[in-house]
PDB file of N, CA and C in Angstrom:
ATOM      1  N   MET A   1      -0.736 -63.163 -16.340  1.00  0.00           N
ATOM      2  CA  MET A   1      -2.961 -63.002 -16.998  1.00  0.00           C
ATOM      3  C   MET A   1      -3.079 -61.901 -16.534  1.00  0.00           C
ATOM      4  N   VAL A   2      -2.538 -61.775 -14.635  1.00  0.00           N
ATOM      5  CA  VAL A   2      -3.392 -60.430 -14.449  1.00  0.00           C
ATOM      6  C   VAL A   2      -2.419 -59.618 -14.456  1.00  0.00           C
ATOM      7  N   ASP A   3      -1.106 -59.427 -14.936  1.00  0.00           N
ATOM      8  CA  ASP A   3      -0.637 -58.016 -15.286  1.00  0.00           C
ATOM      9  C   ASP A   3      -1.028 -57.308 -16.392  1.00  0.00           C
ATOM     10  N   LYS A   4      -1.606 -58.308 -17.086  1.00  0.00           N
ATOM     11  CA  LYS A   4      -2.401 -58.132 -18.637  1.00  0.00           C
ATOM     12  C   LYS A   4      -3.390 -57.311 -18.052  1.00  0.00           C
ATOM     13  N   ILE A   5      -4.495 -57.605 -17.093  1.00  0.00           N
ATOM     14  CA  ILE A   5      -5.364 -57.054 -16.759  1.00  0.00           C
ATOM     15  C   ILE A   5      -5.184 -55.626 -16.418  1.00  0.00           C
ATOM     16  N   ILE A   6      -4.287 -55.671 -15.313  1.00  0.00           N
ATOM     17  CA  ILE A   6      -3.637 -54.002 -14.564  1.00  0.00           C
ATOM     18  C   ILE A   6      -2.817 -53.385 -15.750  1.00  0.00           C
ATOM     19  N   GLY A   7      -2.285 -53.658 -15.927  1.00  0.00           N
ATOM     20  CA  GLY A   7      -1.246 -53.396 -17.305  1.00  0.00           C
ATOM     21  C   GLY A   7      -0.249 -53.438 -16.426  1.00  0.00           C
ATOM     22  N   GLY A   8       0.146 -54.078 -15.460  1.00  0.00           N
ATOM     23  CA  GLY A   8       1.633 -53.848 -14.809  1.00  0.00           C
ATOM     24  C   GLY A   8       1.921 -53.260 -14.227  1.00  0.00           C
ATOM     25  N   LYS A   9       0.950 -52.111 -14.038  1.00  0.00           N
ATOM     26  CA  LYS A   9       1.538 -50.958 -12.820  1.00  0.00           C
ATOM     27  C   LYS A   9       1.113 -51.617 -11.736  1.00  0.00           C
ATOM     28  N   GLY A  10       0.096 -52.020 -11.227  1.00  0.00           N
ATOM     29  CA  GLY A  10      -0.433 -52.540  -9.574  1.00  0.00           C
ATOM     30  C   GLY A  10      -1.123 -51.527  -9.602  1.00  0.00           C
ATOM     31  N   PHE A  11      -1.393 -51.751  -8.102  1.00  0.00           N
ATOM     32  CA  PHE A  11      -2.818 -50.796  -7.849  1.00  0.00           C
ATOM     33  C   PHE A  11      -2.264 -48.814  -7.711  1.00  0.00           C
ATOM     34  N   GLY A  12      -2.761 -48.144  -8.074  1.00  0.00           N
ATOM     35  CA  GLY A  12      -3.187 -46.904  -7.760  1.00  0.00           C
ATOM     36  C   GLY A  12      -3.928 -45.823  -8.730  1.00  0.00           C
ATOM     37  N   PRO A  13      -3.380 -45.638  -8.899  1.00  0.00           N
ATOM     38  CA  PRO A  13      -4.581 -43.828  -9.684  1.00  0.00           C
ATOM     39  C   PRO A  13      -4.483 -44.763 -11.394  1.00  0.00           C
ATOM     40  N   LEU A  14      -5.765 -44.416 -11.651  1.00  0.00           N
ATOM     41  CA  LEU A  14      -5.991 -45.302 -12.882  1.00  0.00           C
ATOM     42  C   LEU A  14      -5.347 -43.913 -13.713  1.00  0.00           C
ATOM     43  N   GLY A  15      -4.321 -44.220 -14.849  1.00  0.00           N
ATOM     44  CA  GLY A  15      -4.811 -43.318 -16.343  1.00  0.00           C
ATOM     45  C   GLY A  15      -3.795 -41.868 -15.910  1.00  0.00           C
ATOM     46  N   GLY A  16      -3.162 -42.176 -14.635  1.00  0.00           N
ATOM     47  CA  GLY A  16      -2.470 -41.258 -14.145  1.00  0.00           C
ATOM     48  C   GLY A  16      -3.233 -39.909 -13.141  1.00  0.00           C
ATOM     49  N   MET A  17      -4.192 -40.621 -12.949  1.00  0.00           N
ATOM     50  CA  MET A  17      -4.968 -39.127 -12.617  1.00  0.00           C
ATOM     51  C   MET A  17      -4.541 -39.134 -10.470  1.00  0.00           C
ATOM     52  N   ASN A  18      -4.849 -38.490  -9.768  1.00  0.00           N
ATOM     53  CA  ASN A  18      -5.079 -38.584  -8.438  1.00  0.00           C
ATOM     54  C   ASN A  18      -5.988 -38.088  -7.656  1.00  0.00           C
ATOM     55  N   ARG A  19      -6.657 -38.187  -6.748  1.00  0.00           N
ATOM     56  CA  ARG A  19      -7.737 -37.584  -6.229  1.00  0.00           C
ATOM     57  C   ARG A  19      -8.311 -37.102  -6.585  1.00  0.00           C
ATOM     58  N   THR A  20      -7.803 -35.929  -6.789  1.00  0.00           N
ATOM     59  CA  THR A  20      -8.667 -34.698  -6.913  1.00  0.00           C
ATOM     60  C   THR A  20      -9.042 -34.487  -8.495  1.00  0.00           C
ATOM     61  N   GLY A  21      -8.811 -35.367  -9.146  1.00  0.00           N
ATOM     62  CA  GLY A  21      -9.172 -36.074 -10.614  1.00  0.00           C
ATOM     63  C   GLY A  21      -8.104 -34.924 -11.755  1.00  0.00           C
ATOM     64  N   LYS A  22      -7.183 -34.673 -11.403  1.00  0.00           N
ATOM     65  CA  LYS A  22      -5.811 -33.863 -12.064  1.00  0.00           C
ATOM     66  C   LYS A  22      -4.732 -34.652 -12.440  1.00  0.00           C
ATOM     67  N   SER A  23      -4.423 -34.379 -13.895  1.00  0.00           N
ATOM     68  CA  SER A  23      -3.125 -35.763 -14.020  1.00  0.00           C
ATOM     69  C   SER A  23      -2.247 -35.114 -13.484  1.00  0.00           C
ATOM     70  N   GLY A  24      -1.348 -35.888 -13.276  1.00  0.00           N
ATOM     71  CA  GLY A  24       0.069 -35.662 -12.402  1.00  0.00           C
ATOM     72  C   GLY A  24       0.411 -34.451 -13.171  1.00  0.00           C
ATOM     73  N   ALA A  25       0.751 -34.161 -14.272  1.00  0.00           N
ATOM     74  CA  ALA A  25       1.585 -32.978 -14.911  1.00  0.00           C
ATOM     75  C   ALA A  25       0.646 -32.096 -14.914  1.00  0.00           C
ATOM     76  N   ALA A  26      -0.844 -31.573 -14.430  1.00  0.00           N
ATOM     77  CA  ALA A  26      -1.498 -31.083 -14.193  1.00  0.00           C
ATOM     78  C   ALA A  26      -1.657 -30.485 -12.502  1.00  0.00           C
ATOM     79  N   ALA A  27      -1.284 -31.374 -11.729  1.00  0.00           N
ATOM     80  CA  ALA A  27      -0.989 -31.591 -10.637  1.00  0.00           C
ATOM     81  C   ALA A  27       0.080 -30.667 -10.817  1.00  0.00           C
ATOM     82  N   LYS A  28       1.030 -30.344 -10.511  1.00  0.00           N
ATOM     83  CA  LYS A  28       2.385 -30.285 -10.726  1.00  0.00           C
ATOM     84  C   LYS A  28       2.235 -28.725 -11.335  1.00  0.00           C
ATOM     85  N   SER A  29       1.459 -28.266 -12.226  1.00  0.00           N
ATOM     86  CA  SER A  29       1.315 -26.916 -12.863  1.00  0.00           C
ATOM     87  C   SER A  29       0.782 -25.932 -11.684  1.00  0.00           C
ATOM     88  N   ALA A  30      -0.304 -26.770 -11.841  1.00  0.00           N
ATOM     89  CA  ALA A  30      -1.550 -26.341 -10.826  1.00  0.00           C
ATOM     90  C   ALA A  30      -0.809 -25.259  -9.225  1.00  0.00           C
ATOM     91  N   GLU A  31       0.518 -26.179  -8.594  1.00  0.00           N
ATOM     92  CA  GLU A  31       1.141 -26.334  -7.508  1.00  0.00           C
ATOM     93  C   GLU A  31       2.452 -25.031  -7.864  1.00  0.00           C
ATOM     94  N   ALA A  32       2.747 -25.211  -9.276  1.00  0.00           N
ATOM     95  CA  ALA A  32       3.545 -23.985  -9.185  1.00  0.00           C
ATOM     96  C   ALA A  32       2.871 -22.352  -9.680  1.00  0.00           C
ATOM     97  N   ALA A  33       1.688 -22.949 -10.382  1.00  0.00           N
ATOM     98  CA  ALA A  33       0.824 -21.793  -9.658  1.00  0.00           C
ATOM     99  C   ALA A  33       0.589 -20.969  -8.902  1.00  0.00           C
ATOM    100  N   LYS A  34       0.427 -21.867  -7.938  1.00  0.00           N
ATOM    101  CA  LYS A  34      -0.585 -20.529  -6.210  1.00  0.00           C
ATOM    102  C   LYS A  34       0.858 -20.089  -5.729  1.00  0.00           C
ATOM    103  N   THR A  35       1.472 -20.053  -5.888  1.00  0.00           N
ATOM    104  CA  THR A  35       3.129 -19.640  -5.549  1.00  0.00           C
ATOM    105  C   THR A  35       2.346 -18.258  -4.983  1.00  0.00           C
ATOM    106  N   ASP A  36       2.168 -17.809  -3.776  1.00  0.00           N
ATOM    107  CA  ASP A  36       2.492 -16.239  -3.263  1.00  0.00           C
ATOM    108  C   ASP A  36       3.382 -15.883  -3.209  1.00  0.00           C
ATOM    109  N   ARG A  37       3.309 -14.275  -3.237  1.00  0.00           N
ATOM    110  CA  ARG A  37       4.610 -13.081  -3.672  1.00  0.00           C
ATOM    111  C   ARG A  37       3.748 -12.132  -3.280  1.00  0.00           C
ATOM    112  N   VAL A  38       4.699 -10.867  -2.420  1.00  0.00           N
ATOM    113  CA  VAL A  38       4.677 -10.073  -1.731  1.00  0.00           C
ATOM    114  C   VAL A  38       5.681  -9.271  -2.077  1.00  0.00           C
ATOM    115  N   ASN A  39       6.111  -8.194  -2.768  1.00  0.00           N
ATOM    116  CA  ASN A  39       6.581  -7.742  -2.946  1.00  0.00           C
ATOM    117  C   ASN A  39       6.334  -6.171  -2.015  1.00  0.00           C
ATOM    118  N   PHE A  40       7.974  -5.901  -1.014  1.00  0.00           N
ATOM    119  CA  PHE A  40       7.754  -5.332  -0.405  1.00  0.00           C
ATOM    120  C   PHE A  40       8.505  -3.738  -0.586  1.00  0.00           C
ATOM    121  N   SER A  41       9.456  -4.032  -1.793  1.00  0.00           N
ATOM    122  CA  SER A  41      10.291  -3.145  -2.313  1.00  0.00           C
ATOM    123  C   SER A  41       9.376  -1.905  -2.490  1.00  0.00           C
ATOM    124  N   ASP A  42       8.086  -1.980  -3.481  1.00  0.00           N
ATOM    125  CA  ASP A  42       7.418  -1.150  -3.775  1.00  0.00           C
ATOM    126  C   ASP A  42       7.022  -0.028  -2.774  1.00  0.00           C
ATOM    127  N   ALA A  43       6.397  -0.933  -1.919  1.00  0.00           N
ATOM    128  CA  ALA A  43       5.936  -0.125  -0.327  1.00  0.00           C
ATOM    129  C   ALA A  43       7.315   0.622   0.137  1.00  0.00           C
ATOM    130  N   LEU A  44       7.709  -0.351   0.631  1.00  0.00           N
ATOM    131  CA  LEU A  44       8.786   0.545   1.306  1.00  0.00           C
ATOM    132  C   LEU A  44       8.922   1.608   0.333  1.00  0.00           C
ATOM    133  N   GLN A  45       9.717   1.555  -0.860  1.00  0.00           N
ATOM    134  CA  GLN A  45      10.048   2.851  -1.406  1.00  0.00           C
ATOM    135  C   GLN A  45       8.771   4.001  -0.950  1.00  0.00           C
ATOM    136  N   ASN A  46       7.804   3.805  -1.489  1.00  0.00           N
ATOM    137  CA  ASN A  46       6.694   4.488  -1.109  1.00  0.00           C
ATOM    138  C   ASN A  46       6.352   5.611   0.022  1.00  0.00           C
ATOM    139  N   ALA A  47       7.125   4.815   0.452  1.00  0.00           N
ATOM    140  CA  ALA A  47       6.829   5.049   2.303  1.00  0.00           C
ATOM    141  C   ALA A  47       8.031   5.865   2.683  1.00  0.00           C
ATOM    142  N   SER A  48       9.697   5.263   2.105  1.00  0.00           N
ATOM    143  CA  SER A  48      10.151   6.369   2.336  1.00  0.00           C
ATOM    144  C   SER A  48      10.464   7.594   1.632  1.00  0.00           C
ATOM    145  N   LYS A  49       9.569   7.498   0.593  1.00  0.00           N
ATOM    146  CA  LYS A  49       9.428   9.093  -0.680  1.00  0.00           C
ATOM    147  C   LYS A  49       8.422   9.788   0.770  1.00  0.00           C
ATOM    148  N   THR A  50       7.283   9.048   1.271  1.00  0.00           N
ATOM    149  CA  THR A  50       6.650   9.952   1.902  1.00  0.00           C
ATOM    150  C   THR A  50       6.750  10.405   3.053  1.00  0.00           C
ATOM    151  N   GLN A  51       7.838   9.816   4.034  1.00  0.00           N
ATOM    152  CA  GLN A  51       8.435  10.491   5.191  1.00  0.00           C
ATOM    153  C   GLN A  51       9.732  11.734   4.729  1.00  0.00           C
ATOM    154  N   ALA A  52      10.013  11.569   3.244  1.00  0.00           N
ATOM    155  CA  ALA A  52      10.660  12.467   3.374  1.00  0.00           C
ATOM    156  C   ALA A  52      10.093  13.289   2.861  1.00  0.00           C
ATOM    157  N   ALA A  53       9.091  13.563   1.874  1.00  0.00           N
ATOM    158  CA  ALA A  53       8.301  14.220   1.802  1.00  0.00           C
ATOM    159  C   ALA A  53       7.731  15.480   2.645  1.00  0.00           C
ATOM    160  N   SER A  54       7.241  14.088   4.106  1.00  0.00           N
ATOM    161  CA  SER A  54       6.821  14.357   5.568  1.00  0.00           C
ATOM    162  C   SER A  54       8.316  15.567   6.297  1.00  0.00           C
ATOM    163  N   THR A  55       9.332  15.081   6.189  1.00  0.00           N
ATOM    164  CA  THR A  55      10.435  16.030   6.524  1.00  0.00           C
ATOM    165  C   THR A  55      10.481  17.347   6.121  1.00  0.00           C
ATOM    166  N   THR A  56      10.153  17.190   4.308  1.00  0.00           N
ATOM    167  CA  THR A  56      11.050  18.658   4.293  1.00  0.00           C
ATOM    168  C   THR A  56       9.910  19.389   4.635  1.00  0.00           C
ATOM    169  N   GLN A  57       8.486  18.676   4.612  1.00  0.00           N
ATOM    170  CA  GLN A  57       7.234  19.968   5.055  1.00  0.00           C
ATOM    171  C   GLN A  57       6.916  20.048   6.491  1.00  0.00           C
ATOM    172  N   GLU A  58       7.695  19.863   6.822  1.00  0.00           N
ATOM    173  CA  GLU A  58       7.994  20.202   8.624  1.00  0.00           C
ATOM    174  C   GLU A  58       9.138  21.102   8.805  1.00  0.00           C
ATOM    175  N   ALA A  59      10.100  20.756   7.796  1.00  0.00           N
ATOM    176  CA  ALA A  59      11.412  21.734   8.270  1.00  0.00           C
ATOM    177  C   ALA A  59      10.656  23.427   7.575  1.00  0.00           C
ATOM    178  N   SER A  60      10.050  23.318   6.727  1.00  0.00           N
ATOM    179  CA  SER A  60       9.574  24.122   5.411  1.00  0.00           C
ATOM    180  C   SER A  60       8.486  24.890   6.693  1.00  0.00           C
ATOM    181  N   ARG A  61       7.529  24.205   7.442  1.00  0.00           N
ATOM    182  CA  ARG A  61       6.671  24.831   8.035  1.00  0.00           C
ATOM    183  C   ARG A  61       7.228  25.280   9.627  1.00  0.00           C
ATOM    184  N   ALA A  62       8.317  24.676   9.625  1.00  0.00           N
ATOM    185  CA  ALA A  62       9.055  25.558  11.138  1.00  0.00           C
ATOM    186  C   ALA A  62       9.454  26.418  10.921  1.00  0.00           C
ATOM    187  N   GLU A  63      10.249  26.528   9.533  1.00  0.00           N
ATOM    188  CA  GLU A  63      10.500  28.013   9.051  1.00  0.00           C
ATOM    189  C   GLU A  63      10.162  29.472   9.174  1.00  0.00           C
ATOM    190  N   LYS A  64       8.396  28.734   8.579  1.00  0.00           N
ATOM    191  CA  LYS A  64       7.654  29.576   8.448  1.00  0.00           C
ATOM    192  C   LYS A  64       7.017  30.470   9.813  1.00  0.00           C
ATOM    193  N   ILE A  65       6.796  29.492  10.391  1.00  0.00           N
ATOM    194  CA  ILE A  65       6.439  29.700  12.001  1.00  0.00           C
ATOM    195  C   ILE A  65       7.375  30.366  12.756  1.00  0.00           C
ATOM    196  N   GLN A  66       8.993  29.851  12.311  1.00  0.00           N
ATOM    197  CA  GLN A  66      10.025  30.905  12.931  1.00  0.00           C
ATOM    198  C   GLN A  66       9.502  32.356  12.598  1.00  0.00           C
ATOM    199  N   ALA A  67       9.791  32.544  11.202  1.00  0.00           N
ATOM    200  CA  ALA A  67       9.218  34.225  10.721  1.00  0.00           C
ATOM    201  C   ALA A  67       8.611  34.550  11.172  1.00  0.00           C
ATOM    202  N   LEU A  68       7.164  34.024  11.616  1.00  0.00           N
ATOM    203  CA  LEU A  68       6.148  34.805  12.153  1.00  0.00           C
ATOM    204  C   LEU A  68       6.135  35.106  13.572  1.00  0.00           C
ATOM    205  N   LYS A  69       6.822  34.129  14.192  1.00  0.00           N
ATOM    206  CA  LYS A  69       7.074  34.698  15.572  1.00  0.00           C
ATOM    207  C   LYS A  69       8.382  35.555  15.816  1.00  0.00           C
ATOM    208  N   SER A  70       9.008  36.307  14.665  1.00  0.00           N
ATOM    209  CA  SER A  70       9.302  37.043  14.734  1.00  0.00           C
ATOM    210  C   SER A  70       9.746  38.315  14.044  1.00  0.00           C
ATOM    211  N   GLN A  71       8.500  38.144  13.520  1.00  0.00           N
ATOM    212  CA  GLN A  71       7.863  39.375  12.974  1.00  0.00           C
ATOM    213  C   GLN A  71       6.576  40.223  14.133  1.00  0.00           C
ATOM    214  N   ILE A  72       5.866  39.245  14.775  1.00  0.00           N
ATOM    215  CA  ILE A  72       5.249  39.147  15.884  1.00  0.00           C
ATOM    216  C   ILE A  72       5.832  39.930  17.380  1.00  0.00           C
ATOM    217  N   GLU A  73       7.051  39.667  17.500  1.00  0.00           N
ATOM    218  CA  GLU A  73       7.673  40.330  18.211  1.00  0.00           C
ATOM    219  C   GLU A  73       8.174  41.368  18.297  1.00  0.00           C
ATOM    220  N   ASN A  74       8.511  41.318  16.918  1.00  0.00           N
ATOM    221  CA  ASN A  74       9.372  43.252  16.282  1.00  0.00           C
ATOM    222  C   ASN A  74       7.951  44.155  16.346  1.00  0.00           C
ATOM    223  N   GLY A  75       6.862  43.162  16.369  1.00  0.00           N
ATOM    224  CA  GLY A  75       5.986  44.336  15.876  1.00  0.00           C
ATOM    225  C   GLY A  75       5.421  44.268  14.323  1.00  0.00           C
ATOM    226  N   THR A  76       6.457  43.391  13.367  1.00  0.00           N
ATOM    227  CA  THR A  76       5.973  43.453  12.209  1.00  0.00           C
ATOM    228  C   THR A  76       5.439  43.236  11.472  1.00  0.00           C
ATOM    229  N   TYR A  77       4.407  41.866  12.355  1.00  0.00           N
ATOM    230  CA  TYR A  77       3.176  41.425  11.328  1.00  0.00           C
ATOM    231  C   TYR A  77       1.949  42.195  10.968  1.00  0.00           C
ATOM    232  N   LYS A  78       2.004  42.126  10.110  1.00  0.00           N
ATOM    233  CA  LYS A  78       0.518  42.622   9.173  1.00  0.00           C
ATOM    234  C   LYS A  78      -0.469  41.862   8.684  1.00  0.00           C
ATOM    235  N   PRO A  79      -1.372  41.284   9.059  1.00  0.00           N
ATOM    236  CA  PRO A  79      -2.110  40.177   8.561  1.00  0.00           C
ATOM    237  C   PRO A  79      -3.110  40.551   7.279  1.00  0.00           C
ATOM    238  N   ASP A  80      -2.868  40.206   6.603  1.00  0.00           N
ATOM    239  CA  ASP A  80      -4.056  40.496   5.184  1.00  0.00           C
ATOM    240  C   ASP A  80      -5.799  39.988   6.149  1.00  0.00           C
ATOM    241  N   LEU A  81      -6.370  41.053   6.594  1.00  0.00           N
ATOM    242  CA  LEU A  81      -7.666  41.366   6.753  1.00  0.00           C
ATOM    243  C   LEU A  81      -8.750  40.337   5.758  1.00  0.00           C
ATOM    244  N   ASP A  82      -8.710  40.733   5.103  1.00  0.00           N
ATOM    245  CA  ASP A  82      -9.366  40.262   3.732  1.00  0.00           C
ATOM    246  C   ASP A  82      -9.295  38.520   3.868  1.00  0.00           C
ATOM    247  N   LYS A  83      -8.195  38.436   4.041  1.00  0.00           N
ATOM    248  CA  LYS A  83      -7.980  36.914   3.980  1.00  0.00           C
ATOM    249  C   LYS A  83      -8.573  36.431   5.458  1.00  0.00           C
ATOM    250  N   VAL A  84      -8.601  37.075   6.009  1.00  0.00           N
ATOM    251  CA  VAL A  84      -8.794  36.938   7.876  1.00  0.00           C
ATOM    252  C   VAL A  84     -10.531  36.779   7.800  1.00  0.00           C
ATOM    253  N   ALA A  85     -10.948  37.899   7.397  1.00  0.00           N
ATOM    254  CA  ALA A  85     -12.147  38.040   7.193  1.00  0.00           C
ATOM    255  C   ALA A  85     -12.779  36.576   6.252  1.00  0.00           C
ATOM    256  N   SER A  86     -12.349  36.148   5.430  1.00  0.00           N
ATOM    257  CA  SER A  86     -13.117  35.248   4.240  1.00  0.00           C
ATOM    258  C   SER A  86     -12.678  33.965   5.108  1.00  0.00           C
ATOM    259  N   SER A  87     -11.612  34.049   5.333  1.00  0.00           N
ATOM    260  CA  SER A  87     -11.466  32.036   6.534  1.00  0.00           C
ATOM    261  C   SER A  87     -12.375  31.952   7.520  1.00  0.00           C
ATOM    262  N   LEU A  88     -12.758  33.471   8.577  1.00  0.00           N
ATOM    263  CA  LEU A  88     -13.435  33.255   9.464  1.00  0.00           C
ATOM    264  C   LEU A  88     -15.098  33.263   9.011  1.00  0.00           C
ATOM    265  N   LEU A  89     -15.466  33.559   8.121  1.00  0.00           N
ATOM    266  CA  LEU A  89     -16.630  33.832   7.334  1.00  0.00           C
ATOM    267  C   LEU A  89     -17.322  32.458   7.791  1.00  0.00           C
ATOM    268  N   PRO A  90     -16.924  30.818   6.703  1.00  0.00           N
ATOM    269  CA  PRO A  90     -17.390  30.213   6.537  1.00  0.00           C
ATOM    270  C   PRO A  90     -18.194  29.632   8.420  1.00  0.00           C
ATOM    271  N   PHE A  91     -17.188  29.824   9.233  1.00  0.00           N
ATOM    272  CA  PHE A  91     -16.831  29.019  10.577  1.00  0.00           C
ATOM    273  C   PHE A  91     -18.437  30.208  11.360  1.00  0.00           C
ATOM    274  N   ILE A  92     -18.619  31.404  11.363  1.00  0.00           N
ATOM    275  CA  ILE A  92     -19.208  32.405  11.971  1.00  0.00           C
ATOM    276  C   ILE A  92     -21.084  32.077  11.235  1.00  0.00           C
ATOM    277  N   MET A  93     -20.592  30.997  10.048  1.00  0.00           N
ATOM    278  CA  MET A  93     -22.159  31.213   9.505  1.00  0.00           C
ATOM    279  C   MET A  93     -22.633  29.706   9.909  1.00  0.00           C
ATOM    280  N   LYS A  94     -21.737  28.820  10.573  1.00  0.00           N
ATOM    281  CA  LYS A  94     -21.848  27.406  10.957  1.00  0.00           C
ATOM    282  C   LYS A  94     -22.774  27.950  12.378  1.00  0.00           C
ATOM    283  N   GLU A  95     -22.051  28.222  12.854  1.00  0.00           N
ATOM    284  CA  GLU A  95     -22.525  28.625  14.650  1.00  0.00           C
ATOM    285  C   GLU A  95     -23.800  29.633  14.200  1.00  0.00           C
ATOM    286  N   SER A  96     -23.796  30.287  13.458  1.00  0.00           N
ATOM    287  CA  SER A  96     -25.485  31.166  13.327  1.00  0.00           C
ATOM    288  C   SER A  96     -26.950  30.259  13.159  1.00  0.00           C
TER     289      SER A  96
END
């Protein structure tokens, strides 16, 4: 007679409900959806591309600097005075 009242399942959650109010299947699917994932491969690829570009830029800059140094030493360096004046003008205007 007791088994008929309880349903033969004994004591436990009623109707397959757990303490959070979700059924067993819903709780399992919610746990499966909670997985955290981090994809480092994209970040590492972008970092390596940036590093490669930086290295290339540094090499290019070093070549330009060396060429300018050799021109200055030889006395063949002729700066564009209009460009120099136009780049100095904003700094002079700020100070006045």
